[in-house]
């Protein structure tokens, strides 16, 4: 079992090394095509380091995976995001309703959520990647002026939110306090 644990630790070291390399390339180049290829590269790393059930003894993959994630006690496992490689605990799951006006919250790229769904599922099980919260949205709205098109999308989202059961009227005050139109 100790060898399996070492295998998980080494896997995490190699994975993080690849993600740090992607992060350095991301910071040095802002072109959309380069960022797209870097997202693909980091998605491929996530796929490669996803642990699947092993045979004849499932214990092999379970112990190795457990060790891989236990190395990351602070939720700092790096994953691709809309803002470049970011610690998983700071990255949110994609939400198509919010994509039109949320720009500064690191969100998992759609490509990654589709192609590395097994790893994303494991990150969700461990509560390392969560949904975008209302606090994330309000923080974005407080810190950035929205364009007319972004505000239109924001209002459409807000209107759909007000129709949900459990909607709290005090959220209106928070929303009106935060939203600024350019």
N, C-alpha and C. Protein backbone atom coordinates (compact mmCIF):
# COMPACT_ATOMS: atom_id res chain seq x y z
N UNK A 1 0.82 -1.20 0.00
CA UNK A 1 0.00 0.00 0.00
C UNK A 1 0.86 1.26 0.00
N UNK A 2 2.02 1.19 0.63
CA UNK A 2 2.90 2.35 0.67
C UNK A 2 3.36 2.73 -0.74
N UNK A 3 3.61 1.71 -1.57
CA UNK A 3 4.02 1.99 -2.95
C UNK A 3 2.89 2.67 -3.73
N UNK A 4 1.67 2.26 -3.46
CA UNK A 4 0.52 2.90 -4.12
C UNK A 4 0.40 4.35 -3.68
N UNK A 5 0.63 4.60 -2.39
CA UNK A 5 0.59 5.97 -1.88
C UNK A 5 1.68 6.81 -2.53
N UNK A 6 2.86 6.25 -2.66
CA UNK A 6 3.96 6.98 -3.32
C UNK A 6 3.60 7.25 -4.78
N UNK A 7 2.95 6.27 -5.43
CA UNK A 7 2.51 6.47 -6.81
C UNK A 7 1.54 7.64 -6.93
N UNK A 8 0.62 7.76 -5.97
CA UNK A 8 -0.33 8.87 -5.97
C UNK A 8 0.36 10.20 -5.75
N UNK A 9 1.33 10.21 -4.84
CA UNK A 9 2.08 11.45 -4.57
C UNK A 9 2.87 11.87 -5.80
N UNK A 10 3.57 10.91 -6.41
CA UNK A 10 4.34 11.23 -7.62
C UNK A 10 3.44 11.69 -8.76
N UNK A 11 2.28 11.08 -8.87
CA UNK A 11 1.32 11.50 -9.90
C UNK A 11 0.92 12.95 -9.70
N UNK A 12 0.68 13.32 -8.45
CA UNK A 12 0.29 14.70 -8.17
C UNK A 12 1.42 15.67 -8.47
N UNK A 13 2.64 15.28 -8.15
CA UNK A 13 3.80 16.13 -8.43
C UNK A 13 3.95 16.35 -9.94
N UNK A 14 3.83 15.28 -10.71
CA UNK A 14 3.94 15.40 -12.17
C UNK A 14 2.79 16.23 -12.73
N UNK A 15 1.57 15.98 -12.24
CA UNK A 15 0.40 16.75 -12.68
C UNK A 15 0.60 18.24 -12.41
N UNK A 16 0.98 18.57 -11.19
CA UNK A 16 1.18 19.98 -10.83
C UNK A 16 2.32 20.60 -11.64
N UNK A 17 3.35 19.82 -11.93
CA UNK A 17 4.44 20.33 -12.77
C UNK A 17 3.94 20.72 -14.15
N UNK A 18 3.10 19.88 -14.73
CA UNK A 18 2.51 20.18 -16.03
C UNK A 18 1.63 21.43 -15.96
N UNK A 19 0.83 21.54 -14.91
CA UNK A 19 -0.05 22.69 -14.78
C UNK A 19 0.73 23.98 -14.53
N UNK A 20 1.84 23.91 -13.82
CA UNK A 20 2.68 25.10 -13.60
C UNK A 20 3.31 25.55 -14.92
N UNK A 21 3.68 24.58 -15.76
CA UNK A 21 4.22 24.92 -17.07
C UNK A 21 3.16 25.61 -17.93
N UNK A 22 1.95 25.08 -17.90
CA UNK A 22 0.84 25.70 -18.64
C UNK A 22 0.57 27.10 -18.10
N UNK A 23 0.62 27.26 -16.79
CA UNK A 23 0.39 28.58 -16.17
C UNK A 23 1.43 29.60 -16.63
N UNK A 24 2.69 29.18 -16.70
CA UNK A 24 3.76 30.09 -17.15
C UNK A 24 3.53 30.50 -18.60
N UNK A 25 3.15 29.56 -19.44
CA UNK A 25 2.87 29.87 -20.85
C UNK A 25 1.65 30.78 -20.97
N UNK A 26 0.64 30.56 -20.13
CA UNK A 26 -0.59 31.38 -20.14
C UNK A 26 -0.26 32.83 -19.83
N UNK A 27 0.58 33.04 -18.82
CA UNK A 27 0.92 34.40 -18.40
C UNK A 27 1.73 35.14 -19.45
N UNK A 28 2.48 34.41 -20.26
CA UNK A 28 3.34 35.03 -21.26
C UNK A 28 2.67 35.24 -22.61
N UNK A 29 1.44 34.76 -22.79
CA UNK A 29 0.79 34.88 -24.08
C UNK A 29 -0.71 35.01 -23.90
N UNK A 30 -1.29 36.09 -24.40
CA UNK A 30 -2.72 36.34 -24.22
C UNK A 30 -3.56 36.09 -25.46
N UNK A 31 -2.98 35.51 -26.52
CA UNK A 31 -3.79 35.29 -27.72
C UNK A 31 -4.81 34.18 -27.47
N UNK A 32 -5.98 34.34 -28.07
CA UNK A 32 -7.06 33.38 -27.87
C UNK A 32 -6.67 31.98 -28.33
N UNK A 33 -5.96 31.89 -29.46
CA UNK A 33 -5.58 30.57 -29.97
C UNK A 33 -4.61 29.87 -29.03
N UNK A 34 -3.67 30.62 -28.47
CA UNK A 34 -2.72 30.02 -27.53
C UNK A 34 -3.44 29.59 -26.26
N UNK A 35 -4.32 30.44 -25.75
CA UNK A 35 -5.06 30.08 -24.55
C UNK A 35 -5.94 28.86 -24.78
N UNK A 36 -6.52 28.76 -25.96
CA UNK A 36 -7.34 27.59 -26.29
C UNK A 36 -6.49 26.32 -26.31
N UNK A 37 -5.30 26.40 -26.89
CA UNK A 37 -4.44 25.22 -26.92
C UNK A 37 -3.94 24.87 -25.52
N UNK A 38 -3.74 25.87 -24.67
CA UNK A 38 -3.31 25.61 -23.29
C UNK A 38 -4.44 24.99 -22.47
N UNK A 39 -5.67 25.40 -22.74
CA UNK A 39 -6.82 24.76 -22.08
C UNK A 39 -6.90 23.30 -22.50
N UNK A 40 -6.69 23.04 -23.80
CA UNK A 40 -6.70 21.65 -24.28
C UNK A 40 -5.59 20.84 -23.63
N UNK A 41 -4.43 21.44 -23.51
CA UNK A 41 -3.28 20.74 -22.90
C UNK A 41 -3.56 20.41 -21.43
N UNK A 42 -4.11 21.37 -20.69
CA UNK A 42 -4.39 21.11 -19.28
C UNK A 42 -5.57 20.15 -19.11
N UNK A 43 -6.52 20.18 -20.03
CA UNK A 43 -7.63 19.22 -20.00
C UNK A 43 -7.10 17.81 -20.23
N UNK A 44 -6.15 17.69 -21.15
CA UNK A 44 -5.54 16.39 -21.42
C UNK A 44 -4.80 15.89 -20.18
N UNK A 45 -4.13 16.77 -19.46
CA UNK A 45 -3.44 16.37 -18.22
C UNK A 45 -4.46 15.87 -17.20
N UNK A 46 -5.60 16.55 -17.11
CA UNK A 46 -6.63 16.10 -16.17
C UNK A 46 -7.14 14.71 -16.55
N UNK A 47 -7.33 14.48 -17.85
CA UNK A 47 -7.78 13.17 -18.30
C UNK A 47 -6.74 12.10 -17.98
N UNK A 48 -5.49 12.41 -18.22
CA UNK A 48 -4.41 11.45 -18.01
C UNK A 48 -4.27 11.07 -16.54
N UNK A 49 -4.50 12.02 -15.64
CA UNK A 49 -4.34 11.77 -14.21
C UNK A 49 -5.66 11.46 -13.51
N UNK A 50 -6.65 11.03 -14.26
CA UNK A 50 -7.89 10.54 -13.68
C UNK A 50 -7.71 9.05 -13.40
N UNK A 51 -8.05 8.64 -12.22
CA UNK A 51 -7.87 7.24 -11.83
C UNK A 51 -9.16 6.47 -12.07
N UNK A 52 -9.03 5.36 -12.80
CA UNK A 52 -10.17 4.51 -13.11
C UNK A 52 -10.04 3.20 -12.36
N UNK A 53 -11.14 2.54 -12.17
CA UNK A 53 -11.16 1.27 -11.45
C UNK A 53 -10.18 0.29 -12.10
N UNK A 54 -9.40 -0.36 -11.27
CA UNK A 54 -8.40 -1.29 -11.78
C UNK A 54 -8.84 -2.73 -11.51
N UNK A 55 -8.33 -3.64 -12.33
CA UNK A 55 -8.62 -5.05 -12.13
C UNK A 55 -7.31 -5.81 -12.11
N UNK A 56 -7.17 -6.87 -11.41
CA UNK A 56 -8.22 -7.56 -10.66
C UNK A 56 -8.49 -6.94 -9.30
N UNK A 57 -7.62 -6.04 -8.83
CA UNK A 57 -7.81 -5.46 -7.49
C UNK A 57 -8.12 -3.97 -7.61
N UNK A 58 -9.36 -3.60 -7.32
CA UNK A 58 -9.77 -2.19 -7.37
C UNK A 58 -9.05 -1.34 -6.35
N UNK A 59 -8.46 -1.98 -5.37
CA UNK A 59 -7.73 -1.29 -4.32
C UNK A 59 -6.57 -0.47 -4.88
N UNK A 60 -5.97 -0.94 -5.96
CA UNK A 60 -4.82 -0.25 -6.56
C UNK A 60 -5.19 1.17 -6.95
N UNK A 61 -6.24 1.31 -7.74
CA UNK A 61 -6.62 2.66 -8.20
C UNK A 61 -7.18 3.50 -7.05
N UNK A 62 -7.92 2.88 -6.15
CA UNK A 62 -8.50 3.63 -5.03
C UNK A 62 -7.41 4.20 -4.12
N UNK A 63 -6.42 3.40 -3.79
CA UNK A 63 -5.34 3.88 -2.92
C UNK A 63 -4.50 4.96 -3.60
N UNK A 64 -4.22 4.76 -4.88
CA UNK A 64 -3.41 5.73 -5.62
C UNK A 64 -4.16 7.06 -5.74
N UNK A 65 -5.44 6.99 -6.07
CA UNK A 65 -6.26 8.20 -6.18
C UNK A 65 -6.37 8.91 -4.83
N UNK A 66 -6.60 8.14 -3.79
CA UNK A 66 -6.71 8.73 -2.45
C UNK A 66 -5.44 9.47 -2.09
N UNK A 67 -4.31 8.89 -2.39
CA UNK A 67 -3.02 9.53 -2.11
C UNK A 67 -2.84 10.79 -2.96
N UNK A 68 -3.26 10.72 -4.22
CA UNK A 68 -3.18 11.87 -5.13
C UNK A 68 -3.91 13.07 -4.53
N UNK A 69 -5.11 12.85 -4.03
CA UNK A 69 -5.91 13.95 -3.48
C UNK A 69 -5.52 14.32 -2.05
N UNK A 70 -5.02 13.36 -1.28
CA UNK A 70 -4.60 13.68 0.09
C UNK A 70 -3.41 14.62 0.12
N UNK A 71 -2.61 14.62 -0.93
CA UNK A 71 -1.47 15.56 -1.02
C UNK A 71 -1.96 17.00 -1.03
N UNK A 72 -3.19 17.19 -1.42
CA UNK A 72 -3.77 18.51 -1.64
C UNK A 72 -4.72 18.87 -0.51
N UNK A 73 -4.19 19.08 0.66
CA UNK A 73 -5.03 19.33 1.83
C UNK A 73 -5.73 20.69 1.79
N UNK A 74 -5.18 21.64 1.05
CA UNK A 74 -5.71 23.01 1.06
C UNK A 74 -6.54 23.35 -0.17
N UNK A 75 -6.90 22.37 -0.99
CA UNK A 75 -7.69 22.64 -2.18
C UNK A 75 -6.94 23.44 -3.23
N UNK A 76 -5.63 23.19 -3.32
CA UNK A 76 -4.81 23.96 -4.25
C UNK A 76 -4.49 23.20 -5.53
N UNK A 77 -5.10 22.03 -5.73
CA UNK A 77 -4.88 21.29 -6.97
C UNK A 77 -5.23 22.22 -8.13
N UNK A 78 -4.34 22.38 -9.06
CA UNK A 78 -4.52 23.34 -10.15
C UNK A 78 -5.38 22.73 -11.25
N UNK A 79 -6.34 23.51 -11.72
CA UNK A 79 -7.20 23.10 -12.84
C UNK A 79 -7.30 24.25 -13.83
N UNK A 80 -7.64 23.95 -15.08
CA UNK A 80 -7.82 25.04 -16.05
C UNK A 80 -9.06 25.86 -15.71
N UNK A 81 -9.00 27.14 -16.02
CA UNK A 81 -10.17 28.00 -15.82
C UNK A 81 -10.19 29.06 -16.92
N UNK A 82 -11.25 29.81 -16.94
CA UNK A 82 -11.39 30.90 -17.92
C UNK A 82 -10.32 31.96 -17.74
N UNK A 83 -9.68 31.99 -16.57
CA UNK A 83 -8.63 32.98 -16.28
C UNK A 83 -7.25 32.35 -16.24
N UNK A 84 -7.13 31.12 -16.73
CA UNK A 84 -5.85 30.42 -16.71
C UNK A 84 -5.84 29.39 -15.60
N UNK A 85 -4.76 28.62 -15.49
CA UNK A 85 -4.67 27.61 -14.43
C UNK A 85 -4.84 28.26 -13.06
N UNK A 86 -5.72 27.68 -12.24
CA UNK A 86 -6.12 28.26 -10.97
C UNK A 86 -6.34 27.13 -9.96
N UNK A 87 -6.09 27.39 -8.66
CA UNK A 87 -6.41 26.36 -7.66
C UNK A 87 -7.89 25.96 -7.75
N UNK A 88 -8.14 24.67 -7.68
CA UNK A 88 -9.50 24.14 -7.85
C UNK A 88 -10.51 24.79 -6.91
N UNK A 89 -10.10 25.10 -5.70
CA UNK A 89 -11.03 25.67 -4.72
C UNK A 89 -11.51 27.07 -5.11
N UNK A 90 -10.85 27.70 -6.08
CA UNK A 90 -11.26 29.04 -6.52
C UNK A 90 -12.00 29.00 -7.85
N UNK A 91 -12.13 27.82 -8.45
CA UNK A 91 -12.75 27.67 -9.76
C UNK A 91 -14.19 27.19 -9.58
N UNK A 92 -15.09 27.76 -10.39
CA UNK A 92 -16.51 27.39 -10.33
C UNK A 92 -16.89 26.59 -11.56
N UNK A 93 -17.96 25.84 -11.43
CA UNK A 93 -18.50 25.10 -12.56
C UNK A 93 -19.13 26.08 -13.55
N UNK A 94 -19.09 25.75 -14.84
CA UNK A 94 -19.68 26.66 -15.83
C UNK A 94 -21.20 26.75 -15.67
N UNK A 95 -21.72 27.93 -15.98
CA UNK A 95 -23.16 28.18 -15.92
C UNK A 95 -23.50 29.04 -17.13
N UNK A 96 -24.22 28.46 -18.08
CA UNK A 96 -24.50 29.16 -19.34
C UNK A 96 -25.32 30.43 -19.12
N UNK A 97 -26.15 30.47 -18.09
CA UNK A 97 -26.95 31.67 -17.82
C UNK A 97 -26.08 32.85 -17.38
N UNK A 98 -24.95 32.56 -16.75
CA UNK A 98 -24.09 33.61 -16.20
C UNK A 98 -22.93 33.97 -17.12
N UNK A 99 -22.67 33.14 -18.12
CA UNK A 99 -21.50 33.33 -18.97
C UNK A 99 -21.49 34.67 -19.70
N UNK A 100 -22.66 35.24 -19.95
CA UNK A 100 -22.74 36.49 -20.69
C UNK A 100 -22.32 37.72 -19.91
N UNK A 101 -22.22 37.61 -18.59
CA UNK A 101 -21.84 38.81 -17.83
C UNK A 101 -20.85 38.55 -16.69
N UNK A 102 -20.57 37.30 -16.38
CA UNK A 102 -19.56 36.99 -15.37
C UNK A 102 -18.24 36.75 -16.09
N UNK A 103 -17.29 37.64 -15.89
CA UNK A 103 -16.02 37.56 -16.61
C UNK A 103 -14.81 37.39 -15.70
N UNK A 104 -14.90 37.77 -14.44
CA UNK A 104 -13.74 37.76 -13.55
C UNK A 104 -13.76 36.63 -12.52
N UNK A 105 -14.76 35.79 -12.56
CA UNK A 105 -14.80 34.62 -11.69
C UNK A 105 -14.18 33.47 -12.48
N UNK A 106 -13.15 32.81 -11.95
CA UNK A 106 -12.56 31.69 -12.69
C UNK A 106 -13.57 30.55 -12.83
N UNK A 107 -13.89 30.22 -14.07
CA UNK A 107 -14.88 29.19 -14.37
C UNK A 107 -14.21 28.09 -15.18
N UNK A 108 -14.58 26.86 -14.90
CA UNK A 108 -14.05 25.72 -15.63
C UNK A 108 -14.47 25.84 -17.10
N UNK A 109 -13.54 25.73 -18.05
CA UNK A 109 -13.92 25.81 -19.46
C UNK A 109 -14.90 24.68 -19.83
N UNK A 110 -15.83 24.96 -20.73
CA UNK A 110 -16.81 23.98 -21.18
C UNK A 110 -16.10 22.73 -21.70
N UNK A 111 -15.06 22.93 -22.51
CA UNK A 111 -14.29 21.81 -23.07
C UNK A 111 -13.79 20.89 -21.95
N UNK A 112 -13.27 21.48 -20.89
CA UNK A 112 -12.74 20.69 -19.78
C UNK A 112 -13.84 19.95 -19.05
N UNK A 113 -14.97 20.63 -18.82
CA UNK A 113 -16.06 19.97 -18.09
C UNK A 113 -16.63 18.80 -18.88
N UNK A 114 -16.56 18.85 -20.20
CA UNK A 114 -17.05 17.74 -21.02
C UNK A 114 -16.02 16.63 -21.13
N UNK A 115 -14.78 17.00 -21.47
CA UNK A 115 -13.77 15.99 -21.77
C UNK A 115 -13.12 15.38 -20.53
N UNK A 116 -13.08 16.11 -19.44
CA UNK A 116 -12.48 15.58 -18.21
C UNK A 116 -13.55 15.40 -17.14
N UNK A 117 -14.73 14.97 -17.57
CA UNK A 117 -15.87 14.88 -16.66
C UNK A 117 -15.62 13.92 -15.49
N UNK A 118 -14.83 12.87 -15.70
CA UNK A 118 -14.57 11.93 -14.60
C UNK A 118 -13.78 12.62 -13.48
N UNK A 119 -12.74 13.37 -13.86
CA UNK A 119 -11.95 14.10 -12.86
C UNK A 119 -12.78 15.21 -12.22
N UNK A 120 -13.58 15.90 -13.01
CA UNK A 120 -14.43 16.96 -12.47
C UNK A 120 -15.40 16.38 -11.45
N UNK A 121 -15.97 15.22 -11.76
CA UNK A 121 -16.86 14.56 -10.81
C UNK A 121 -16.16 14.25 -9.49
N UNK A 122 -14.92 13.82 -9.57
CA UNK A 122 -14.17 13.52 -8.35
C UNK A 122 -13.85 14.79 -7.57
N UNK A 123 -13.58 15.87 -8.30
CA UNK A 123 -13.34 17.15 -7.63
C UNK A 123 -14.63 17.65 -6.96
N UNK A 124 -15.76 17.44 -7.60
CA UNK A 124 -17.04 17.83 -7.01
C UNK A 124 -17.35 16.99 -5.77
N UNK A 125 -17.08 15.68 -5.85
CA UNK A 125 -17.30 14.81 -4.70
C UNK A 125 -16.50 15.29 -3.49
N UNK A 126 -15.32 15.79 -3.74
CA UNK A 126 -14.44 16.26 -2.67
C UNK A 126 -14.70 17.74 -2.35
N UNK A 127 -15.71 18.30 -2.99
CA UNK A 127 -16.12 19.70 -2.78
C UNK A 127 -14.98 20.69 -3.06
N UNK A 128 -14.19 20.38 -4.08
CA UNK A 128 -13.11 21.28 -4.48
C UNK A 128 -13.58 22.26 -5.55
N UNK A 129 -14.54 21.85 -6.36
CA UNK A 129 -15.12 22.73 -7.38
C UNK A 129 -16.61 22.81 -7.11
N UNK A 130 -17.12 24.04 -7.00
CA UNK A 130 -18.52 24.26 -6.66
C UNK A 130 -19.20 25.11 -7.73
N UNK A 131 -20.49 25.28 -7.58
CA UNK A 131 -21.27 26.17 -8.45
C UNK A 131 -20.91 27.62 -8.12
N UNK A 132 -21.16 28.51 -9.07
CA UNK A 132 -21.01 29.94 -8.80
C UNK A 132 -22.09 30.32 -7.78
N UNK A 133 -21.69 31.05 -6.75
CA UNK A 133 -22.65 31.45 -5.71
C UNK A 133 -23.16 32.86 -5.99
N UNK A 134 -24.24 33.21 -5.32
CA UNK A 134 -24.78 34.57 -5.44
C UNK A 134 -23.76 35.59 -4.95
N UNK A 135 -22.95 35.19 -3.96
CA UNK A 135 -21.89 36.08 -3.45
C UNK A 135 -20.84 36.34 -4.53
N UNK A 136 -20.49 35.29 -5.31
CA UNK A 136 -19.55 35.46 -6.42
C UNK A 136 -20.10 36.46 -7.43
N UNK A 137 -21.38 36.34 -7.72
CA UNK A 137 -22.02 37.22 -8.70
C UNK A 137 -22.05 38.66 -8.18
N UNK A 138 -22.46 38.85 -6.94
CA UNK A 138 -22.50 40.19 -6.37
C UNK A 138 -21.10 40.81 -6.33
N UNK A 139 -20.11 40.02 -5.99
CA UNK A 139 -18.73 40.53 -5.94
C UNK A 139 -18.30 41.01 -7.33
N UNK A 140 -18.62 40.22 -8.35
CA UNK A 140 -18.30 40.61 -9.73
C UNK A 140 -19.01 41.91 -10.09
N UNK A 141 -20.27 42.01 -9.75
CA UNK A 141 -21.04 43.21 -10.09
C UNK A 141 -20.54 44.44 -9.34
N UNK A 142 -20.04 44.26 -8.13
CA UNK A 142 -19.50 45.38 -7.36
C UNK A 142 -18.17 45.87 -7.92
N UNK A 143 -17.40 44.98 -8.49
CA UNK A 143 -16.04 45.31 -8.90
C UNK A 143 -15.88 45.65 -10.37
N UNK A 144 -16.96 45.63 -11.12
CA UNK A 144 -16.83 45.85 -12.55
C UNK A 144 -18.08 46.52 -13.11
N UNK A 145 -17.88 47.43 -14.04
CA UNK A 145 -18.99 48.08 -14.73
C UNK A 145 -19.36 47.21 -15.93
N UNK A 146 -20.65 46.92 -16.08
CA UNK A 146 -21.10 46.07 -17.17
C UNK A 146 -21.44 46.91 -18.40
N UNK A 147 -21.21 46.32 -19.57
CA UNK A 147 -21.65 46.95 -20.81
C UNK A 147 -23.17 46.80 -20.91
N UNK A 148 -23.77 47.44 -21.88
CA UNK A 148 -25.23 47.35 -22.06
C UNK A 148 -25.63 45.90 -22.33
N UNK A 149 -24.89 45.22 -23.20
CA UNK A 149 -25.20 43.82 -23.53
C UNK A 149 -25.05 42.92 -22.30
N UNK A 150 -24.00 43.14 -21.53
CA UNK A 150 -23.80 42.35 -20.31
C UNK A 150 -24.93 42.61 -19.31
N UNK A 151 -25.34 43.86 -19.18
CA UNK A 151 -26.42 44.19 -18.25
C UNK A 151 -27.73 43.57 -18.70
N UNK A 152 -27.97 43.53 -20.00
CA UNK A 152 -29.18 42.88 -20.52
C UNK A 152 -29.19 41.40 -20.12
N UNK A 153 -28.05 40.74 -20.30
CA UNK A 153 -27.95 39.32 -19.92
C UNK A 153 -28.09 39.15 -18.41
N UNK A 154 -27.54 40.09 -17.67
CA UNK A 154 -27.65 40.05 -16.22
C UNK A 154 -29.11 40.19 -15.79
N UNK A 155 -29.83 41.13 -16.39
CA UNK A 155 -31.25 41.31 -16.06
C UNK A 155 -32.06 40.07 -16.43
N UNK A 156 -31.76 39.47 -17.59
CA UNK A 156 -32.47 38.25 -17.97
C UNK A 156 -32.26 37.15 -16.93
N UNK A 157 -31.02 37.01 -16.47
CA UNK A 157 -30.73 36.02 -15.42
C UNK A 157 -31.50 36.38 -14.16
N UNK A 158 -31.47 37.66 -13.79
CA UNK A 158 -32.12 38.10 -12.55
C UNK A 158 -33.63 37.85 -12.60
N UNK A 159 -34.24 38.13 -13.73
CA UNK A 159 -35.68 37.90 -13.89
C UNK A 159 -36.00 36.42 -13.74
N UNK A 160 -35.17 35.56 -14.32
CA UNK A 160 -35.40 34.11 -14.18
C UNK A 160 -35.23 33.67 -12.73
N UNK A 161 -34.33 34.31 -12.01
CA UNK A 161 -34.09 33.98 -10.61
C UNK A 161 -35.28 34.35 -9.73
N UNK A 162 -35.91 35.47 -10.02
CA UNK A 162 -37.02 35.94 -9.17
C UNK A 162 -38.23 35.01 -9.25
N UNK A 163 -38.31 34.19 -10.29
CA UNK A 163 -39.43 33.27 -10.43
C UNK A 163 -39.24 31.96 -9.66
N UNK A 164 -38.08 31.75 -9.09
CA UNK A 164 -37.81 30.50 -8.38
C UNK A 164 -38.42 30.51 -6.98
N UNK A 165 -38.85 29.34 -6.54
CA UNK A 165 -39.33 29.23 -5.16
C UNK A 165 -38.15 29.39 -4.23
N UNK A 166 -38.40 29.96 -3.09
CA UNK A 166 -37.33 30.17 -2.13
C UNK A 166 -36.55 31.44 -2.38
N UNK A 167 -36.94 32.18 -3.41
CA UNK A 167 -36.28 33.45 -3.72
C UNK A 167 -36.54 34.43 -2.58
N UNK A 168 -35.52 35.08 -2.13
CA UNK A 168 -35.65 36.00 -1.00
C UNK A 168 -35.63 37.44 -1.52
N UNK A 169 -36.60 38.22 -1.14
CA UNK A 169 -36.73 39.60 -1.62
C UNK A 169 -35.55 40.49 -1.25
N UNK A 170 -34.85 40.17 -0.17
CA UNK A 170 -33.70 40.99 0.23
C UNK A 170 -32.56 40.91 -0.79
N UNK A 171 -32.60 39.88 -1.64
CA UNK A 171 -31.59 39.78 -2.69
C UNK A 171 -31.69 40.95 -3.67
N UNK A 172 -32.90 41.48 -3.83
CA UNK A 172 -33.10 42.63 -4.73
C UNK A 172 -32.23 43.79 -4.28
N UNK A 173 -32.21 44.06 -2.99
CA UNK A 173 -31.40 45.17 -2.47
C UNK A 173 -29.92 44.94 -2.76
N UNK A 174 -29.47 43.72 -2.55
CA UNK A 174 -28.07 43.39 -2.83
C UNK A 174 -27.76 43.55 -4.31
N UNK A 175 -28.68 43.10 -5.15
CA UNK A 175 -28.49 43.21 -6.59
C UNK A 175 -28.45 44.66 -7.03
N UNK A 176 -29.39 45.46 -6.59
CA UNK A 176 -29.44 46.87 -6.97
C UNK A 176 -28.23 47.64 -6.46
N UNK A 177 -27.72 47.24 -5.32
CA UNK A 177 -26.54 47.88 -4.75
C UNK A 177 -25.29 47.60 -5.60
N UNK A 178 -25.24 46.42 -6.20
CA UNK A 178 -24.03 45.98 -6.92
C UNK A 178 -24.02 46.36 -8.39
N UNK A 179 -25.12 46.22 -9.07
CA UNK A 179 -25.16 46.33 -10.52
C UNK A 179 -24.95 47.76 -10.99
N UNK A 180 -23.93 47.96 -11.82
CA UNK A 180 -23.62 49.27 -12.38
C UNK A 180 -23.51 49.11 -13.89
N UNK A 181 -24.17 50.00 -14.62
CA UNK A 181 -24.21 49.96 -16.07
C UNK A 181 -23.28 51.02 -16.64
N UNK A 182 -22.58 50.67 -17.70
CA UNK A 182 -21.69 51.61 -18.37
C UNK A 182 -22.43 52.27 -19.52
